């Protein structure tokens, strides 16, 4: 077992996992797992730059994480960053800040590595399940983009498209700098059309309808699960591997789209940082289920972060070979929700 720290920094959140991991056996023991909403991608779609206040929120979280990593004595640290940090004009400010605080440079990994990390983290525990069938479709709904990965034991095809809960909210649901409360039917229709166009792109590369099990990752999906179960607070143990039917997802999505900020904020399992973006994230999930015909989504709390930890323990990136041909066409990259 190797003690590792994995950091996954996305458009909406930054997450840390400190764990003892053995990639040979697939064993991973959590020591500390946490998430902080930092909204690093605030305004990037419009300005092309990381906002100063967004950078400071992210650096504050990094300082907190550095103390935790030191406390647990992690032998290896790996920091994977969102495409927002890669595409921003002032990305060097972000890189310097992270290096100064954590001593490691943020990696914007290849599409092949992203796909393999997400798939490994999400499906490793499902291998022995007789009630879930392959191939899997792993869907990672992030803040700026959504990733689609299909495979059995390893990745067969993957694609990233530029629809995520933050990007869709900022693009369609904001008027005069304020999120509509609630949005109009015209705004919802425009957002749905954008999502459907993105699904058309995804289907050019990934056989979405061939999958027999849909596995959903990231905050939008886990929050929908918490709402579906009417949890009195966010409970990872009850959310992990929960199964939510399409009709229930549709019901929740409709409520979120037509609710006010105050009504969403009153949901006990809702993270405050998701109140304004959860409706868009839920609509992405529902649209995927309707497109693929999936009757249910299997919700996973284990995702790319766990995959990063396994590969950090192994001392490198995913093995080279045929799977390196798998990529995210268009270079959109992955953005955490």
C-alpha atoms as a PDB file:
ATOM      1  CA  UNK A   1       0.000   0.000   0.000  1.00  0.00           C
ATOM      2  CA  UNK A   2       1.255   3.458  -0.935  1.00  0.00           C
ATOM      3  CA  UNK A   3      -0.056   6.598   0.770  1.00  0.00           C
ATOM      4  CA  UNK A   4      -1.037   9.078  -1.916  1.00  0.00           C
ATOM      5  CA  UNK A   5      -2.849  12.381  -2.289  1.00  0.00           C
ATOM      6  CA  UNK A   6      -4.943  13.086  -5.374  1.00  0.00           C
ATOM      7  CA  UNK A   7      -6.278  16.551  -6.146  1.00  0.00           C
ATOM      8  CA  UNK A   8      -8.864  17.128  -8.855  1.00  0.00           C
ATOM      9  CA  UNK A   9      -9.467  20.796  -9.649  1.00  0.00           C
ATOM     10  CA  UNK A  10     -12.429  21.581 -11.872  1.00  0.00           C
ATOM     11  CA  UNK A  11     -14.616  24.400 -13.083  1.00  0.00           C
ATOM     12  CA  UNK A  12     -16.875  24.367 -10.034  1.00  0.00           C
ATOM     13  CA  UNK A  13     -15.079  22.441  -7.293  1.00  0.00           C
ATOM     14  CA  UNK A  14     -11.715  21.226  -6.076  1.00  0.00           C
ATOM     15  CA  UNK A  15     -11.488  17.832  -4.400  1.00  0.00           C
ATOM     16  CA  UNK A  16      -8.904  15.990  -2.335  1.00  0.00           C
ATOM     17  CA  UNK A  17      -8.435  12.285  -1.649  1.00  0.00           C
ATOM     18  CA  UNK A  18      -5.719  11.034   0.695  1.00  0.00           C
ATOM     19  CA  UNK A  19      -5.665   7.249   0.670  1.00  0.00           C
ATOM     20  CA  UNK A  20      -3.608   4.101   0.992  1.00  0.00           C
ATOM     21  CA  UNK A  21      -3.775   2.452  -2.403  1.00  0.00           C
ATOM     22  CA  UNK A  22      -2.621  -0.797  -3.979  1.00  0.00           C
ATOM     23  CA  UNK A  23      -3.171  -0.678  -7.739  1.00  0.00           C
ATOM     24  CA  UNK A  24      -2.244  -4.360  -8.100  1.00  0.00           C
ATOM     25  CA  UNK A  25      -5.133  -5.577  -5.937  1.00  0.00           C
ATOM     26  CA  UNK A  26      -7.522  -2.678  -6.509  1.00  0.00           C
ATOM     27  CA  UNK A  27      -7.629  -1.899  -2.793  1.00  0.00           C
ATOM     28  CA  UNK A  28      -8.048   1.740  -1.789  1.00  0.00           C
ATOM     29  CA  UNK A  29      -8.562   2.875   1.816  1.00  0.00           C
ATOM     30  CA  UNK A  30      -9.748   6.455   2.295  1.00  0.00           C
ATOM     31  CA  UNK A  31      -8.019   8.548   4.930  1.00  0.00           C
ATOM     32  CA  UNK A  32      -9.527  11.894   3.946  1.00  0.00           C
ATOM     33  CA  UNK A  33     -11.923  12.766   1.134  1.00  0.00           C
ATOM     34  CA  UNK A  34     -13.352  16.273   0.772  1.00  0.00           C
ATOM     35  CA  UNK A  35     -14.690  18.783  -1.700  1.00  0.00           C
ATOM     36  CA  UNK A  36     -14.714  22.585  -1.750  1.00  0.00           C
ATOM     37  CA  UNK A  37     -16.786  24.712  -4.124  1.00  0.00           C
ATOM     38  CA  UNK A  38     -14.401  27.323  -5.574  1.00  0.00           C
ATOM     39  CA  UNK A  39     -16.049  28.146  -8.937  1.00  0.00           C
ATOM     40  CA  UNK A  40     -12.637  28.466 -10.642  1.00  0.00           C
ATOM     41  CA  UNK A  41     -14.375  28.718 -14.021  1.00  0.00           C
ATOM     42  CA  UNK A  42     -16.393  31.788 -13.002  1.00  0.00           C
ATOM     43  CA  UNK A  43     -16.866  33.883 -16.146  1.00  0.00           C
ATOM     44  CA  UNK A  44     -14.228  32.013 -18.193  1.00  0.00           C
ATOM     45  CA  UNK A  45     -16.710  31.193 -20.951  1.00  0.00           C
ATOM     46  CA  UNK A  46     -17.272  34.955 -21.390  1.00  0.00           C
ATOM     47  CA  UNK A  47     -13.878  36.551 -20.580  1.00  0.00           C
ATOM     48  CA  UNK A  48     -11.319  33.869 -21.390  1.00  0.00           C
ATOM     49  CA  UNK A  49      -9.580  34.611 -18.065  1.00  0.00           C
ATOM     50  CA  UNK A  50      -9.603  33.189 -14.543  1.00  0.00           C
ATOM     51  CA  UNK A  51     -11.110  35.819 -12.240  1.00  0.00           C
ATOM     52  CA  UNK A  52      -8.857  37.060  -9.373  1.00  0.00           C
ATOM     53  CA  UNK A  53     -11.469  36.167  -6.771  1.00  0.00           C
ATOM     54  CA  UNK A  54     -11.858  32.684  -8.284  1.00  0.00           C
ATOM     55  CA  UNK A  55      -8.102  32.146  -8.110  1.00  0.00           C
ATOM     56  CA  UNK A  56      -8.006  33.234  -4.473  1.00  0.00           C
ATOM     57  CA  UNK A  57     -10.845  30.882  -3.534  1.00  0.00           C
ATOM     58  CA  UNK A  58      -8.948  28.046  -5.205  1.00  0.00           C
ATOM     59  CA  UNK A  59      -5.650  28.919  -3.527  1.00  0.00           C
ATOM     60  CA  UNK A  60      -7.376  29.072  -0.135  1.00  0.00           C
ATOM     61  CA  UNK A  61      -8.633  25.521  -0.660  1.00  0.00           C
ATOM     62  CA  UNK A  62      -5.144  24.434  -1.774  1.00  0.00           C
ATOM     63  CA  UNK A  63      -3.647  25.810   1.443  1.00  0.00           C
ATOM     64  CA  UNK A  64      -6.174  23.812   3.464  1.00  0.00           C
ATOM     65  CA  UNK A  65      -5.423  20.688   1.440  1.00  0.00           C
ATOM     66  CA  UNK A  66      -1.646  21.142   1.825  1.00  0.00           C
ATOM     67  CA  UNK A  67      -2.018  20.990   5.610  1.00  0.00           C
ATOM     68  CA  UNK A  68      -4.095  17.795   5.376  1.00  0.00           C
ATOM     69  CA  UNK A  69      -1.611  16.150   2.993  1.00  0.00           C
ATOM     70  CA  UNK A  70       1.259  16.988   5.349  1.00  0.00           C
ATOM     71  CA  UNK A  71      -0.670  15.717   8.374  1.00  0.00           C
ATOM     72  CA  UNK A  72      -1.256  12.320   6.755  1.00  0.00           C
ATOM     73  CA  UNK A  73       2.267  12.061   5.355  1.00  0.00           C
ATOM     74  CA  UNK A  74       1.348  11.281   1.760  1.00  0.00           C
ATOM     75  CA  UNK A  75       4.313   9.902  -0.193  1.00  0.00           C
ATOM     76  CA  UNK A  76       3.074  11.036  -3.591  1.00  0.00           C
ATOM     77  CA  UNK A  77       0.873  13.936  -4.665  1.00  0.00           C
ATOM     78  CA  UNK A  78      -0.813  14.290  -8.047  1.00  0.00           C
ATOM     79  CA  UNK A  79      -2.810  17.371  -9.057  1.00  0.00           C
ATOM     80  CA  UNK A  80      -5.048  17.169 -12.125  1.00  0.00           C
ATOM     81  CA  UNK A  81      -6.548  20.426 -13.396  1.00  0.00           C
ATOM     82  CA  UNK A  82      -9.586  21.372 -15.423  1.00  0.00           C
ATOM     83  CA  UNK A  83      -9.591  22.500 -19.021  1.00  0.00           C
ATOM     84  CA  UNK A  84     -10.663  25.940 -17.761  1.00  0.00           C
ATOM     85  CA  UNK A  85      -7.186  26.405 -16.317  1.00  0.00           C
ATOM     86  CA  UNK A  86      -5.603  25.226 -19.548  1.00  0.00           C
ATOM     87  CA  UNK A  87      -7.600  27.490 -21.823  1.00  0.00           C
ATOM     88  CA  UNK A  88      -7.484  30.671 -19.722  1.00  0.00           C
ATOM     89  CA  UNK A  89      -5.174  33.469 -20.852  1.00  0.00           C
ATOM     90  CA  UNK A  90      -3.763  33.859 -17.341  1.00  0.00           C
ATOM     91  CA  UNK A  91      -3.267  30.138 -16.634  1.00  0.00           C
ATOM     92  CA  UNK A  92       0.333  30.825 -15.537  1.00  0.00           C
ATOM     93  CA  UNK A  93      -0.995  32.659 -12.473  1.00  0.00           C
ATOM     94  CA  UNK A  94      -2.904  29.518 -11.537  1.00  0.00           C
ATOM     95  CA  UNK A  95       0.078  27.218 -12.092  1.00  0.00           C
ATOM     96  CA  UNK A  96       2.448  29.391 -10.032  1.00  0.00           C
ATOM     97  CA  UNK A  97      -0.021  29.590  -7.157  1.00  0.00           C
ATOM     98  CA  UNK A  98      -0.520  25.825  -6.990  1.00  0.00           C
ATOM     99  CA  UNK A  99       3.231  25.117  -7.191  1.00  0.00           C
ATOM    100  CA  UNK A 100       3.942  27.613  -4.403  1.00  0.00           C
ATOM    101  CA  UNK A 101       1.339  26.036  -2.114  1.00  0.00           C
ATOM    102  CA  UNK A 102       1.504  22.307  -2.888  1.00  0.00           C
ATOM    103  CA  UNK A 103       4.889  21.915  -4.541  1.00  0.00           C
ATOM    104  CA  UNK A 104       3.455  20.138  -7.590  1.00  0.00           C
ATOM    105  CA  UNK A 105       2.445  21.472 -10.980  1.00  0.00           C
ATOM    106  CA  UNK A 106      -1.159  21.051 -12.109  1.00  0.00           C
ATOM    107  CA  UNK A 107      -1.460  18.530 -14.939  1.00  0.00           C
ATOM    108  CA  UNK A 108      -3.928  18.862 -17.769  1.00  0.00           C
ATOM    109  CA  UNK A 109      -3.755  15.211 -18.738  1.00  0.00           C
ATOM    110  CA  UNK A 110      -4.497  13.701 -22.125  1.00  0.00           C
ATOM    111  CA  UNK A 111      -7.962  12.629 -23.113  1.00  0.00           C
ATOM    112  CA  UNK A 112      -6.856   8.991 -22.980  1.00  0.00           C
ATOM    113  CA  UNK A 113      -5.686   9.406 -19.386  1.00  0.00           C
ATOM    114  CA  UNK A 114      -8.839  11.274 -18.364  1.00  0.00           C
ATOM    115  CA  UNK A 115     -11.031   8.555 -19.797  1.00  0.00           C
ATOM    116  CA  UNK A 116      -9.028   5.771 -18.165  1.00  0.00           C
ATOM    117  CA  UNK A 117      -8.935   7.532 -14.770  1.00  0.00           C
ATOM    118  CA  UNK A 118     -12.685   8.125 -14.730  1.00  0.00           C
ATOM    119  CA  UNK A 119     -13.532   4.644 -15.938  1.00  0.00           C
ATOM    120  CA  UNK A 120     -11.189   2.953 -13.445  1.00  0.00           C
ATOM    121  CA  UNK A 121     -12.455   4.969 -10.514  1.00  0.00           C
ATOM    122  CA  UNK A 122     -16.128   4.469 -11.356  1.00  0.00           C
ATOM    123  CA  UNK A 123     -16.217   0.799 -12.353  1.00  0.00           C
ATOM    124  CA  UNK A 124     -13.494  -1.029 -10.405  1.00  0.00           C
ATOM    125  CA  UNK A 125     -15.941  -1.912  -7.607  1.00  0.00           C
ATOM    126  CA  UNK A 126     -18.661  -3.020 -10.042  1.00  0.00           C
ATOM    127  CA  UNK A 127     -16.681  -5.847 -11.621  1.00  0.00           C
ATOM    128  CA  UNK A 128     -18.149  -8.576  -9.402  1.00  0.00           C
ATOM    129  CA  UNK A 129     -21.763  -7.405  -9.543  1.00  0.00           C
ATOM    130  CA  UNK A 130     -24.096  -9.873 -11.258  1.00  0.00           C
ATOM    131  CA  UNK A 131     -27.018  -7.404 -11.340  1.00  0.00           C
ATOM    132  CA  UNK A 132     -25.159  -4.820 -13.428  1.00  0.00           C
ATOM    133  CA  UNK A 133     -24.173  -5.638 -16.976  1.00  0.00           C
ATOM    134  CA  UNK A 134     -21.457  -4.455 -19.317  1.00  0.00           C
ATOM    135  CA  UNK A 135     -20.674  -2.480 -21.354  1.00  0.00           C
ATOM    136  CA  UNK A 136     -20.810   0.462 -18.970  1.00  0.00           C
ATOM    137  CA  UNK A 137     -21.471   4.043 -19.996  1.00  0.00           C
ATOM    138  CA  UNK A 138     -19.722   6.280 -17.474  1.00  0.00           C
ATOM    139  CA  UNK A 139     -21.043   9.845 -17.590  1.00  0.00           C
ATOM    140  CA  UNK A 140     -19.155  12.555 -15.712  1.00  0.00           C
ATOM    141  CA  UNK A 141     -21.270  15.737 -15.588  1.00  0.00           C
ATOM    142  CA  UNK A 142     -18.912  18.524 -14.624  1.00  0.00           C
ATOM    143  CA  UNK A 143     -19.066  22.269 -14.364  1.00  0.00           C
ATOM    144  CA  UNK A 144     -17.840  23.092 -17.850  1.00  0.00           C
ATOM    145  CA  UNK A 145     -18.134  19.838 -19.755  1.00  0.00           C
ATOM    146  CA  UNK A 146     -19.545  16.318 -19.690  1.00  0.00           C
ATOM    147  CA  UNK A 147     -17.515  13.215 -20.436  1.00  0.00           C
ATOM    148  CA  UNK A 148     -18.891  10.026 -21.948  1.00  0.00           C
ATOM    149  CA  UNK A 149     -16.833   6.832 -21.618  1.00  0.00           C
ATOM    150  CA  UNK A 150     -17.948   3.395 -22.831  1.00  0.00           C
ATOM    151  CA  UNK A 151     -16.107   0.191 -22.026  1.00  0.00           C
ATOM    152  CA  UNK A 152     -16.084  -3.251 -20.510  1.00  0.00           C
ATOM    153  CA  UNK A 153     -12.847  -3.834 -18.575  1.00  0.00           C
ATOM    154  CA  UNK A 154     -11.132  -0.854 -20.171  1.00  0.00           C
ATOM    155  CA  UNK A 155     -12.127   2.179 -22.185  1.00  0.00           C
ATOM    156  CA  UNK A 156     -13.433   1.490 -25.668  1.00  0.00           C
ATOM    157  CA  UNK A 157     -14.530   4.991 -26.685  1.00  0.00           C
ATOM    158  CA  UNK A 158     -14.700   8.412 -25.039  1.00  0.00           C
ATOM    159  CA  UNK A 159     -15.741  11.946 -25.815  1.00  0.00           C
ATOM    160  CA  UNK A 160     -16.009  15.251 -23.980  1.00  0.00           C
ATOM    161  CA  UNK A 161     -18.557  17.898 -24.944  1.00  0.00           C
ATOM    162  CA  UNK A 162     -18.919  21.460 -23.698  1.00  0.00           C
ATOM    163  CA  UNK A 163     -22.062  21.139 -21.610  1.00  0.00           C
ATOM    164  CA  UNK A 164     -21.806  21.295 -17.827  1.00  0.00           C
ATOM    165  CA  UNK A 165     -23.846  22.690 -14.975  1.00  0.00           C
ATOM    166  CA  UNK A 166     -21.895  25.964 -14.696  1.00  0.00           C
ATOM    167  CA  UNK A 167     -21.477  26.551 -18.417  1.00  0.00           C
ATOM    168  CA  UNK A 168     -25.161  25.886 -19.164  1.00  0.00           C
ATOM    169  CA  UNK A 169     -26.296  28.088 -16.278  1.00  0.00           C
ATOM    170  CA  UNK A 170     -24.089  31.012 -17.315  1.00  0.00           C
ATOM    171  CA  UNK A 171     -24.938  30.618 -20.991  1.00  0.00           C
ATOM    172  CA  UNK A 172     -28.712  30.242 -20.704  1.00  0.00           C
ATOM    173  CA  UNK A 173     -30.064  31.050 -17.260  1.00  0.00           C
ATOM    174  CA  UNK A 174     -28.310  34.314 -16.356  1.00  0.00           C
ATOM    175  CA  UNK A 175     -29.887  37.687 -17.138  1.00  0.00           C
ATOM    176  CA  UNK A 176     -28.182  40.949 -16.153  1.00  0.00           C
ATOM    177  CA  UNK A 177     -25.697  39.048 -14.036  1.00  0.00           C
ATOM    178  CA  UNK A 178     -28.333  37.212 -12.009  1.00  0.00           C
ATOM    179  CA  UNK A 179     -29.590  33.619 -12.341  1.00  0.00           C
ATOM    180  CA  UNK A 180     -33.266  33.669 -13.345  1.00  0.00           C
ATOM    181  CA  UNK A 181     -35.492  32.763 -10.413  1.00  0.00           C
ATOM    182  CA  UNK A 182     -36.991  30.609 -11.846  1.00  0.00           C
ATOM    183  CA  UNK A 183     -35.939  30.507 -15.534  1.00  0.00           C
ATOM    184  CA  UNK A 184     -38.421  31.100 -18.330  1.00  0.00           C
ATOM    185  CA  UNK A 185     -39.647  28.320 -20.618  1.00  0.00           C
ATOM    186  CA  UNK A 186     -37.675  29.962 -23.444  1.00  0.00           C
ATOM    187  CA  UNK A 187     -34.468  29.770 -21.414  1.00  0.00           C
ATOM    188  CA  UNK A 188     -35.095  26.121 -20.565  1.00  0.00           C
ATOM    189  CA  UNK A 189     -35.829  25.274 -24.201  1.00  0.00           C
ATOM    190  CA  UNK A 190     -32.608  26.951 -25.370  1.00  0.00           C
ATOM    191  CA  UNK A 191     -30.591  25.058 -22.775  1.00  0.00           C
ATOM    192  CA  UNK A 192     -32.181  21.749 -23.732  1.00  0.00           C
ATOM    193  CA  UNK A 193     -31.433  22.392 -27.422  1.00  0.00           C
ATOM    194  CA  UNK A 194     -27.782  23.076 -26.545  1.00  0.00           C
ATOM    195  CA  UNK A 195     -27.582  19.817 -24.595  1.00  0.00           C
ATOM    196  CA  UNK A 196     -29.203  17.815 -27.387  1.00  0.00           C
ATOM    197  CA  UNK A 197     -26.710  19.219 -29.916  1.00  0.00           C
ATOM    198  CA  UNK A 198     -23.869  18.156 -27.610  1.00  0.00           C
ATOM    199  CA  UNK A 199     -25.315  14.649 -27.354  1.00  0.00           C
ATOM    200  CA  UNK A 200     -25.345  14.496 -31.158  1.00  0.00           C
ATOM    201  CA  UNK A 201     -21.605  15.251 -31.080  1.00  0.00           C
ATOM    202  CA  UNK A 202     -20.964  12.632 -28.413  1.00  0.00           C
ATOM    203  CA  UNK A 203     -22.758   9.980 -30.453  1.00  0.00           C
ATOM    204  CA  UNK A 204     -20.432  10.597 -33.394  1.00  0.00           C
ATOM    205  CA  UNK A 205     -17.678   8.918 -31.348  1.00  0.00           C
ATOM    206  CA  UNK A 206     -19.254   6.982 -28.478  1.00  0.00           C
ATOM    207  CA  UNK A 207     -21.927   4.272 -28.961  1.00  0.00           C
ATOM    208  CA  UNK A 208     -24.121   5.664 -26.181  1.00  0.00           C
ATOM    209  CA  UNK A 209     -27.069   3.347 -26.867  1.00  0.00           C
ATOM    210  CA  UNK A 210     -24.996   0.143 -26.714  1.00  0.00           C
ATOM    211  CA  UNK A 211     -24.356   0.495 -22.980  1.00  0.00           C
ATOM    212  CA  UNK A 212     -26.294  -1.758 -20.619  1.00  0.00           C
ATOM    213  CA  UNK A 213     -25.448   0.100 -17.393  1.00  0.00           C
ATOM    214  CA  UNK A 214     -25.369   3.895 -17.017  1.00  0.00           C
ATOM    215  CA  UNK A 215     -23.002   5.062 -14.263  1.00  0.00           C
ATOM    216  CA  UNK A 216     -23.325   8.726 -13.251  1.00  0.00           C
ATOM    217  CA  UNK A 217     -20.570  10.731 -11.597  1.00  0.00           C
ATOM    218  CA  UNK A 218     -20.018  14.142  -9.993  1.00  0.00           C
ATOM    219  CA  UNK A 219     -21.995  16.624  -7.943  1.00  0.00           C
ATOM    220  CA  UNK A 220     -25.047  17.100 -10.142  1.00  0.00           C
ATOM    221  CA  UNK A 221     -25.749  13.365 -10.192  1.00  0.00           C
ATOM    222  CA  UNK A 222     -25.022  12.756  -6.510  1.00  0.00           C
ATOM    223  CA  UNK A 223     -27.224  15.708  -5.530  1.00  0.00           C
ATOM    224  CA  UNK A 224     -30.124  14.352  -7.613  1.00  0.00           C
ATOM    225  CA  UNK A 225     -29.673  11.044  -5.772  1.00  0.00           C
ATOM    226  CA  UNK A 226     -29.753  12.793  -2.388  1.00  0.00           C
ATOM    227  CA  UNK A 227     -32.981  14.583  -3.375  1.00  0.00           C
ATOM    228  CA  UNK A 228     -34.506  11.360  -4.719  1.00  0.00           C
ATOM    229  CA  UNK A 229     -33.850   9.653  -1.396  1.00  0.00           C
ATOM    230  CA  UNK A 230     -35.089  12.661   0.586  1.00  0.00           C
ATOM    231  CA  UNK A 231     -31.939  12.573   2.713  1.00  0.00           C
ATOM    232  CA  UNK A 232     -31.898  14.843   5.784  1.00  0.00           C
ATOM    233  CA  UNK A 233     -28.274  15.673   4.937  1.00  0.00           C
ATOM    234  CA  UNK A 234     -25.721  14.709   2.314  1.00  0.00           C
ATOM    235  CA  UNK A 235     -24.760  11.083   3.034  1.00  0.00           C
ATOM    236  CA  UNK A 236     -22.053   9.617   0.790  1.00  0.00           C
ATOM    237  CA  UNK A 237     -22.625   6.067   2.015  1.00  0.00           C
ATOM    238  CA  UNK A 238     -26.306   6.134   1.009  1.00  0.00           C
ATOM    239  CA  UNK A 239     -25.617   7.933  -2.266  1.00  0.00           C
ATOM    240  CA  UNK A 240     -22.790   5.649  -3.437  1.00  0.00           C
ATOM    241  CA  UNK A 241     -24.211   2.954  -5.735  1.00  0.00           C
ATOM    242  CA  UNK A 242     -27.792   4.161  -5.284  1.00  0.00           C
ATOM    243  CA  UNK A 243     -30.004   3.573  -8.320  1.00  0.00           C
ATOM    244  CA  UNK A 244     -32.403   6.270  -9.499  1.00  0.00           C
ATOM    245  CA  UNK A 245     -35.095   5.590 -12.108  1.00  0.00           C
ATOM    246  CA  UNK A 246     -35.598   7.839 -15.132  1.00  0.00           C
ATOM    247  CA  UNK A 247     -39.107   8.906 -14.112  1.00  0.00           C
ATOM    248  CA  UNK A 248     -37.803  10.042 -10.719  1.00  0.00           C
ATOM    249  CA  UNK A 249     -34.956  11.957 -12.359  1.00  0.00           C
ATOM    250  CA  UNK A 250     -37.506  13.652 -14.656  1.00  0.00           C
ATOM    251  CA  UNK A 251     -39.697  14.608 -11.703  1.00  0.00           C
ATOM    252  CA  UNK A 252     -36.758  16.104  -9.778  1.00  0.00           C
ATOM    253  CA  UNK A 253     -35.448  17.945 -12.834  1.00  0.00           C
ATOM    254  CA  UNK A 254     -38.815  19.547 -13.533  1.00  0.00           C
ATOM    255  CA  UNK A 255     -39.059  20.710  -9.938  1.00  0.00           C
ATOM    256  CA  UNK A 256     -35.517  22.142  -9.963  1.00  0.00           C
ATOM    257  CA  UNK A 257     -36.115  23.993 -13.230  1.00  0.00           C
ATOM    258  CA  UNK A 258     -39.280  25.632 -11.942  1.00  0.00           C
ATOM    259  CA  UNK A 259     -38.218  26.277  -8.335  1.00  0.00           C
ATOM    260  CA  UNK A 260     -36.838  29.470  -6.820  1.00  0.00           C
ATOM    261  CA  UNK A 261     -33.384  29.950  -5.337  1.00  0.00           C
ATOM    262  CA  UNK A 262     -34.894  29.887  -1.840  1.00  0.00           C
ATOM    263  CA  UNK A 263     -36.738  26.637  -2.489  1.00  0.00           C
ATOM    264  CA  UNK A 264     -33.618  24.895  -3.772  1.00  0.00           C
ATOM    265  CA  UNK A 265     -31.503  26.279  -0.935  1.00  0.00           C
ATOM    266  CA  UNK A 266     -33.972  24.793   1.554  1.00  0.00           C
ATOM    267  CA  UNK A 267     -33.197  21.235   0.374  1.00  0.00           C
ATOM    268  CA  UNK A 268     -31.208  19.824   3.334  1.00  0.00           C
ATOM    269  CA  UNK A 269     -28.796  17.769   1.211  1.00  0.00           C
ATOM    270  CA  UNK A 270     -28.023  20.663  -1.175  1.00  0.00           C
ATOM    271  CA  UNK A 271     -24.515  22.136  -1.026  1.00  0.00           C
ATOM    272  CA  UNK A 272     -24.834  25.952  -1.058  1.00  0.00           C
ATOM    273  CA  UNK A 273     -22.474  26.150  -4.026  1.00  0.00           C
ATOM    274  CA  UNK A 274     -24.814  24.019  -6.150  1.00  0.00           C
ATOM    275  CA  UNK A 275     -28.063  25.910  -5.586  1.00  0.00           C
ATOM    276  CA  UNK A 276     -27.806  28.008  -8.751  1.00  0.00           C
ATOM    277  CA  UNK A 277     -26.348  25.327 -11.069  1.00  0.00           C
ATOM    278  CA  UNK A 278     -28.113  22.102 -10.035  1.00  0.00           C
ATOM    279  CA  UNK A 279     -31.096  22.584 -12.374  1.00  0.00           C
ATOM    280  CA  UNK A 280     -28.823  22.680 -15.418  1.00  0.00           C
ATOM    281  CA  UNK A 281     -26.868  19.652 -14.202  1.00  0.00           C
ATOM    282  CA  UNK A 282     -30.048  17.655 -13.619  1.00  0.00           C
ATOM    283  CA  UNK A 283     -31.283  18.512 -17.110  1.00  0.00           C
ATOM    284  CA  UNK A 284     -28.032  17.197 -18.603  1.00  0.00           C
ATOM    285  CA  UNK A 285     -28.542  13.914 -16.715  1.00  0.00           C
ATOM    286  CA  UNK A 286     -32.176  13.592 -17.771  1.00  0.00           C
ATOM    287  CA  UNK A 287     -31.332  14.326 -21.401  1.00  0.00           C
ATOM    288  CA  UNK A 288     -28.675  11.588 -21.379  1.00  0.00           C
ATOM    289  CA  UNK A 289     -31.110   9.066 -19.910  1.00  0.00           C
ATOM    290  CA  UNK A 290     -33.750   9.943 -22.488  1.00  0.00           C
ATOM    291  CA  UNK A 291     -31.248   9.766 -25.366  1.00  0.00           C
ATOM    292  CA  UNK A 292     -29.800   6.399 -24.326  1.00  0.00           C
ATOM    293  CA  UNK A 293     -33.031   4.853 -23.117  1.00  0.00           C
ATOM    294  CA  UNK A 294     -31.475   4.118 -19.708  1.00  0.00           C
ATOM    295  CA  UNK A 295     -34.187   3.116 -17.231  1.00  0.00           C
ATOM    296  CA  UNK A 296     -31.977   4.042 -14.280  1.00  0.00           C
ATOM    297  CA  UNK A 297     -28.643   5.583 -13.361  1.00  0.00           C
ATOM    298  CA  UNK A 298     -26.217   3.929 -10.943  1.00  0.00           C
ATOM    299  CA  UNK A 299     -24.718   6.754  -8.896  1.00  0.00           C
ATOM    300  CA  UNK A 300     -21.032   6.549  -7.977  1.00  0.00           C
ATOM    301  CA  UNK A 301     -19.114   8.632  -5.464  1.00  0.00           C
ATOM    302  CA  UNK A 302     -15.930   7.085  -6.869  1.00  0.00           C
ATOM    303  CA  UNK A 303     -14.694   8.648 -10.065  1.00  0.00           C
ATOM    304  CA  UNK A 304     -11.673  10.254 -11.649  1.00  0.00           C
ATOM    305  CA  UNK A 305     -10.297  11.176  -8.198  1.00  0.00           C
ATOM    306  CA  UNK A 306     -10.020   7.490  -7.271  1.00  0.00           C
ATOM    307  CA  UNK A 307      -8.454   6.742 -10.651  1.00  0.00           C
ATOM    308  CA  UNK A 308      -5.862   9.490 -10.077  1.00  0.00           C
ATOM    309  CA  UNK A 309      -5.052   7.960  -6.679  1.00  0.00           C
ATOM    310  CA  UNK A 310      -4.532   4.480  -8.145  1.00  0.00           C
ATOM    311  CA  UNK A 311      -2.223   5.792 -10.832  1.00  0.00           C
ATOM    312  CA  UNK A 312      -0.322   7.971  -8.362  1.00  0.00           C
ATOM    313  CA  UNK A 313       0.302   4.841  -6.292  1.00  0.00           C
ATOM    314  CA  UNK A 314       1.515   3.049  -9.416  1.00  0.00           C
ATOM    315  CA  UNK A 315       3.945   5.895  -9.995  1.00  0.00           C
ATOM    316  CA  UNK A 316       2.797   7.035 -13.397  1.00  0.00           C
ATOM    317  CA  UNK A 317       0.148   7.614 -16.048  1.00  0.00           C
ATOM    318  CA  UNK A 318      -2.041   4.875 -17.536  1.00  0.00           C
ATOM    319  CA  UNK A 319      -0.179   2.151 -19.391  1.00  0.00           C
ATOM    320  CA  UNK A 320       0.715   3.011 -22.952  1.00  0.00           C
ATOM    321  CA  UNK A 321      -0.662   0.985 -25.836  1.00  0.00           C
ATOM    322  CA  UNK A 322      -3.846   0.680 -27.826  1.00  0.00           C
ATOM    323  CA  UNK A 323      -5.873   2.578 -25.276  1.00  0.00           C
ATOM    324  CA  UNK A 324      -3.813   5.718 -25.923  1.00  0.00           C
ATOM    325  CA  UNK A 325      -5.810   6.006 -29.140  1.00  0.00           C
ATOM    326  CA  UNK A 326      -8.888   6.793 -27.066  1.00  0.00           C
ATOM    327  CA  UNK A 327      -9.248  10.536 -26.781  1.00  0.00           C
ATOM    328  CA  UNK A 328     -11.716  13.318 -26.275  1.00  0.00           C
ATOM    329  CA  UNK A 329     -12.075  14.723 -29.822  1.00  0.00           C
ATOM    330  CA  UNK A 330     -12.162  18.491 -29.902  1.00  0.00           C
ATOM    331  CA  UNK A 331      -9.846  18.762 -26.911  1.00  0.00           C
ATOM    332  CA  UNK A 332     -12.573  19.960 -24.555  1.00  0.00           C
ATOM    333  CA  UNK A 333     -11.051  18.207 -21.561  1.00  0.00           C
ATOM    334  CA  UNK A 334     -12.810  17.451 -18.323  1.00  0.00           C
ATOM    335  CA  UNK A 335     -14.411  19.908 -15.922  1.00  0.00           C
ATOM    336  CA  UNK A 336     -15.526  18.751 -12.518  1.00  0.00           C
ATOM    337  CA  UNK A 337     -18.951  19.619 -11.229  1.00  0.00           C
END
